[in-house]
Amino acid sequence: MKEIEKYIKPYDANFTTMVPTGFVIFMRTCKIWQFIRFIVINIKMLIVVRKSH
């Protein structure tokens, strides 16, 4: 492990965060898409709860 760590530079260009694309920003801010995701997640939760009881 020490051999690998020797070559890692913490502030190198490979360690930058991803910048969201325009489509990703749109999907994160679109109220209609958020509502659809809310419904889907709630349905999944209901299925899990129903299986446990």
C-alpha atoms as a PDB file:
ATOM      1  CA  MET A   1       0.000   0.000   0.000  1.00  0.00           C
ATOM      2  CA  LYS A   2       2.849   2.380   0.746  1.00  0.00           C
ATOM      3  CA  GLU A   3       4.127   1.894  -2.797  1.00  0.00           C
ATOM      4  CA  ILE A   4       0.829   3.084  -4.248  1.00  0.00           C
ATOM      5  CA  GLU A   5       0.517   6.024  -1.842  1.00  0.00           C
ATOM      6  CA  LYS A   6       3.936   7.251  -2.909  1.00  0.00           C
ATOM      7  CA  TYR A   7       2.595   8.120  -6.385  1.00  0.00           C
ATOM      8  CA  ILE A   8      -0.664   9.783  -5.292  1.00  0.00           C
ATOM      9  CA  LYS A   9      -0.636  13.577  -5.227  1.00  0.00           C
ATOM     10  CA  PRO A  10      -3.661  14.872  -3.267  1.00  0.00           C
ATOM     11  CA  TYR A  11      -4.198  18.113  -5.208  1.00  0.00           C
ATOM     12  CA  ASP A  12      -3.557  16.705  -8.660  1.00  0.00           C
ATOM     13  CA  ALA A  13      -6.012  17.312 -11.529  1.00  0.00           C
ATOM     14  CA  ASN A  14      -7.347  13.761 -11.134  1.00  0.00           C
ATOM     15  CA  PHE A  15      -8.908  14.608  -7.779  1.00  0.00           C
ATOM     16  CA  THR A  16     -11.260  17.386  -8.846  1.00  0.00           C
ATOM     17  CA  THR A  17     -15.014  17.095  -8.390  1.00  0.00           C
ATOM     18  CA  MET A  18     -17.364  16.497 -11.289  1.00  0.00           C
ATOM     19  CA  VAL A  19     -19.197  19.513 -12.659  1.00  0.00           C
ATOM     20  CA  PRO A  20     -22.856  18.726 -13.407  1.00  0.00           C
ATOM     21  CA  THR A  21     -23.993  19.095 -16.983  1.00  0.00           C
ATOM     22  CA  GLY A  22     -26.913  21.240 -18.049  1.00  0.00           C
ATOM     23  CA  PHE A  23     -29.190  18.193 -18.224  1.00  0.00           C
ATOM     24  CA  VAL A  24     -28.270  17.129 -14.689  1.00  0.00           C
ATOM     25  CA  ILE A  25     -28.925  20.621 -13.348  1.00  0.00           C
ATOM     26  CA  PHE A  26     -32.278  20.652 -15.149  1.00  0.00           C
ATOM     27  CA  MET A  27     -33.272  17.277 -13.677  1.00  0.00           C
ATOM     28  CA  ARG A  28     -32.287  18.417 -10.172  1.00  0.00           C
ATOM     29  CA  THR A  29     -34.361  21.592 -10.394  1.00  0.00           C
ATOM     30  CA  CYS A  30     -37.364  20.340 -12.409  1.00  0.00           C
ATOM     31  CA  LYS A  31     -40.384  20.216 -10.075  1.00  0.00           C
ATOM     32  CA  ILE A  32     -42.251  17.712 -12.261  1.00  0.00           C
ATOM     33  CA  TRP A  33     -39.331  15.256 -12.265  1.00  0.00           C
ATOM     34  CA  GLN A  34     -38.868  15.674  -8.506  1.00  0.00           C
ATOM     35  CA  PHE A  35     -42.556  14.900  -7.946  1.00  0.00           C
ATOM     36  CA  ILE A  36     -42.307  11.758 -10.106  1.00  0.00           C
ATOM     37  CA  ARG A  37     -39.228  10.603  -8.172  1.00  0.00           C
ATOM     38  CA  PHE A  38     -41.047  11.324  -4.897  1.00  0.00           C
ATOM     39  CA  ILE A  39     -43.959   9.104  -5.947  1.00  0.00           C
ATOM     40  CA  VAL A  40     -41.662   6.290  -7.121  1.00  0.00           C
ATOM     41  CA  ILE A  41     -39.641   6.318  -3.896  1.00  0.00           C
ATOM     42  CA  ASN A  42     -42.822   6.295  -1.801  1.00  0.00           C
ATOM     43  CA  ILE A  43     -44.183   3.335  -3.738  1.00  0.00           C
ATOM     44  CA  LYS A  44     -40.922   1.466  -3.154  1.00  0.00           C
ATOM     45  CA  MET A  45     -41.118   2.243   0.561  1.00  0.00           C
ATOM     46  CA  LEU A  46     -44.712   1.001   0.708  1.00  0.00           C
ATOM     47  CA  ILE A  47     -43.655  -2.263  -0.927  1.00  0.00           C
ATOM     48  CA  VAL A  48     -40.851  -2.756   1.608  1.00  0.00           C
ATOM     49  CA  VAL A  49     -43.160  -2.001   4.541  1.00  0.00           C
ATOM     50  CA  ARG A  50     -45.871  -4.293   3.173  1.00  0.00           C
ATOM     51  CA  LYS A  51     -43.371  -7.173   2.873  1.00  0.00           C
ATOM     52  CA  SER A  52     -42.252  -6.754   6.481  1.00  0.00           C
ATOM     53  CA  HIS A  53     -45.773  -6.921   7.975  1.00  0.00           C
END
